[in-house]
Protein backbone atom coordinates (compact mmCIF):
# COMPACT_ATOMS: atom_id res chain seq x y z
CA MET A 1 145.88 308.38 63.43
CA GLY A 2 146.01 310.59 60.48
CA ARG A 3 144.17 313.07 60.36
CA ARG A 4 144.59 314.82 56.44
CA GLY A 5 143.73 310.43 55.03
CA MET A 6 145.36 307.77 54.00
CA ALA A 7 145.14 304.63 52.24
CA ALA A 8 146.68 301.05 52.40
CA THR A 9 145.74 298.37 49.18
CA SER A 10 147.33 294.94 47.88
CA HIS A 11 149.53 296.86 45.38
CA PRO A 12 151.63 300.00 45.77
CA THR A 13 150.48 301.70 42.31
CA ALA A 14 146.72 302.03 43.47
CA THR A 15 147.83 302.88 47.05
CA LEU A 16 148.98 306.20 44.91
CA THR A 17 146.08 306.53 43.64
CA ALA A 18 143.82 306.29 45.86
CA ILE A 19 146.05 309.29 48.27
CA THR A 20 146.13 311.40 44.89
CA ILE A 21 142.65 311.42 44.34
CA LEU A 22 142.73 312.69 47.86
CA GLN A 23 144.93 315.53 47.46
CA ALA A 24 142.94 315.95 44.69
CA GLY A 25 140.08 316.88 46.68
CA GLY A 26 138.72 313.83 46.60
CA ASN A 27 137.10 311.81 49.79
CA ALA A 28 137.56 308.01 51.08
CA ILE A 29 135.06 306.63 48.59
CA ASP A 30 136.85 308.35 45.68
CA ALA A 31 139.77 306.46 46.65
CA ALA A 32 138.92 303.56 47.39
CA VAL A 33 136.20 302.85 44.54
CA ALA A 34 139.84 305.10 42.40
CA ALA A 35 142.27 303.04 44.28
CA CYS A 36 140.08 299.52 43.42
CA ALA A 37 139.53 300.63 39.65
CA VAL A 38 143.83 300.10 39.52
CA GLN A 39 143.95 296.59 41.09
CA CYS A 40 141.89 295.42 38.78
CA VAL A 41 144.32 296.48 35.95
CA VAL A 42 147.51 295.40 37.90
CA GLU A 43 146.21 292.35 39.74
CA PRO A 44 143.57 290.72 38.24
CA GLY A 45 143.67 287.45 39.91
CA SER A 46 142.36 289.64 42.56
CA THR A 47 140.71 291.98 41.93
CA GLY A 48 138.26 292.63 38.66
CA ILE A 49 135.66 294.64 36.71
CA GLY A 50 133.63 290.59 37.12
CA GLY A 51 133.08 290.60 40.25
CA ASP A 52 131.32 291.28 43.50
CA CYS A 53 131.79 295.07 45.67
CA PHE A 54 130.58 294.85 49.64
CA VAL A 55 130.44 298.18 51.54
CA LEU A 56 130.09 298.81 54.88
CA MET A 57 130.77 302.29 55.82
CA ALA A 58 129.55 304.85 57.67
CA LYS A 59 130.20 308.68 56.85
CA GLY A 60 132.56 310.77 59.47
CA GLY A 61 131.65 312.09 62.62
CA SER A 62 128.47 309.00 62.00
CA ASP A 63 127.69 305.64 64.11
CA LYS A 64 125.22 304.56 61.08
CA VAL A 65 126.56 302.29 59.16
CA LEU A 66 125.67 302.19 55.26
CA ALA A 67 125.81 298.63 53.63
CA TYR A 68 125.96 298.23 50.05
CA ASP A 69 125.47 295.71 48.20
CA GLY A 70 127.72 295.33 44.71
CA SER A 71 126.84 291.30 44.47
CA GLY A 72 126.45 289.95 40.90
CA ARG A 73 123.19 288.31 39.60
CA ALA A 74 122.37 285.44 38.48
CA PRO A 75 119.47 284.90 35.54
CA ALA A 76 116.05 284.45 36.69
CA ALA A 77 116.43 280.66 35.54
CA ALA A 78 119.26 279.86 37.51
CA THR A 79 117.58 277.06 39.81
CA LEU A 80 118.52 274.90 41.97
CA ASP A 81 116.01 272.39 39.91
CA TRP A 82 117.46 274.36 36.42
CA TYR A 83 121.17 272.72 36.94
CA ARG A 84 120.04 269.40 37.67
CA GLU A 85 118.33 269.21 34.64
CA GLN A 86 121.19 270.20 32.64
CA GLY A 87 123.16 267.27 34.52
CA PHE A 88 125.02 269.26 36.58
CA SER A 89 125.85 267.65 40.59
CA GLU A 90 128.35 271.12 40.79
CA ILE A 91 129.25 274.07 38.96
CA PRO A 92 132.04 273.62 36.50
CA ARG A 93 134.43 276.15 37.86
CA GLN A 94 135.59 276.97 34.47
CA SER A 95 131.89 277.56 32.75
CA PRO A 96 129.72 279.97 32.26
CA HIS A 97 127.71 279.23 35.12
CA ALA A 98 129.68 279.48 38.00
CA VAL A 99 129.99 283.38 37.50
CA THR A 100 127.27 285.86 37.67
CA ILE A 101 126.14 289.40 35.88
CA PRO A 102 128.87 291.54 37.64
CA GLY A 103 127.14 293.82 40.54
CA SER A 104 130.81 296.06 41.07
CA VAL A 105 130.82 298.92 38.59
CA GLU A 106 127.34 299.73 39.21
CA ALA A 107 128.18 299.21 43.19
CA TRP A 108 131.26 302.27 42.25
CA ALA A 109 128.45 304.38 40.85
CA THR A 110 126.31 304.11 42.63
CA LEU A 111 128.71 304.74 46.36
CA VAL A 112 130.35 307.62 44.20
CA LYS A 113 126.53 309.31 43.24
CA ASP A 114 125.36 308.71 46.64
CA HIS A 115 128.44 309.64 48.75
CA GLY A 116 131.45 311.07 45.52
CA ARG A 117 132.86 314.62 45.11
CA LEU A 118 134.63 313.87 41.96
CA LYS A 119 133.40 312.39 39.09
CA LEU A 120 133.03 308.68 38.13
CA ALA A 121 134.71 308.80 34.99
CA GLN A 122 137.47 311.02 36.88
CA LEU A 123 138.00 308.14 38.89
CA LEU A 124 138.95 305.63 36.33
CA GLN A 125 141.02 307.64 34.21
CA PRO A 126 143.77 306.23 35.78
CA ALA A 127 142.86 302.71 35.49
CA ILE A 128 142.36 303.50 31.82
CA ALA A 129 145.19 304.90 31.46
CA LEU A 130 147.37 301.89 32.90
CA ALA A 131 145.96 299.43 30.97
CA ARG A 132 146.38 301.26 27.54
CA ASP A 133 149.90 302.79 28.80
CA GLY A 134 150.68 299.40 30.35
CA TYR A 135 152.84 299.15 34.32
CA VAL A 136 155.05 297.05 35.94
CA VAL A 137 154.49 293.62 36.91
CA ALA A 138 154.29 292.74 40.15
CA PRO A 139 156.06 289.78 42.25
CA ARG A 140 152.29 289.22 43.65
CA ALA A 141 150.26 289.44 39.50
CA ALA A 142 152.84 287.54 37.76
CA ALA A 143 153.49 284.94 40.72
CA ASP A 144 149.22 284.02 40.06
CA TRP A 145 149.53 284.08 35.95
CA ALA A 146 152.48 281.31 35.95
CA GLY A 147 150.00 279.66 38.49
CA GLN A 148 147.42 279.64 35.42
CA ALA A 149 149.50 279.48 32.36
CA ALA A 150 147.95 276.17 31.76
CA LEU A 151 144.69 277.04 32.17
CA MET A 152 144.90 280.05 29.67
CA ALA A 153 146.89 278.51 27.32
CA LYS A 154 143.92 275.89 26.97
CA ASP A 155 142.01 279.68 24.71
CA GLU A 156 143.99 281.56 22.29
CA PRO A 157 142.44 284.31 22.84
CA THR A 158 143.08 285.25 27.53
CA ALA A 159 147.04 283.13 25.53
CA ARG A 160 146.67 285.68 22.87
CA VAL A 161 147.00 288.68 25.34
CA PHE A 162 148.42 287.07 29.02
CA LEU A 163 150.74 284.48 27.26
CA PRO A 164 153.11 286.68 24.69
CA GLU A 165 154.89 284.60 23.70
CA GLY A 166 153.56 281.64 25.09
CA ARG A 167 154.90 282.46 28.34
CA ALA A 168 153.10 284.21 31.55
């Protein structure tokens, strides 16, 4: 086991971000939030601010497990009866009815407020810079985009951003 910290994610840029945050004096929560924010940019098909965040953690030296539920909320009117009244027997995946109000960013803010050492604004800067300045698209993200090209092409604003010159 490492004694000075470590980080592992599915994307090298997110992992490097986490390590950089640790080296800057951040703790594991800070590193995780920063890495997750970066993954929202570099692997949007896998991680996104429009999603949920679930955390089970224990502070160093403690065996008390803390749970954070950053799941999105559904509107109060979104009951099974309401969907049936609208004629739904199943919810179409590509519809506004298939999503909740995102909970991940609020969970990040709460985690950082409760357990972080650094400010949320500082932790989000690497993701903001990558979104603004660009980054090398990893093979995984390229494959995800290519696999969704036909779907993205159906929505003009999405196609304009994610299908330059009409291709993934």
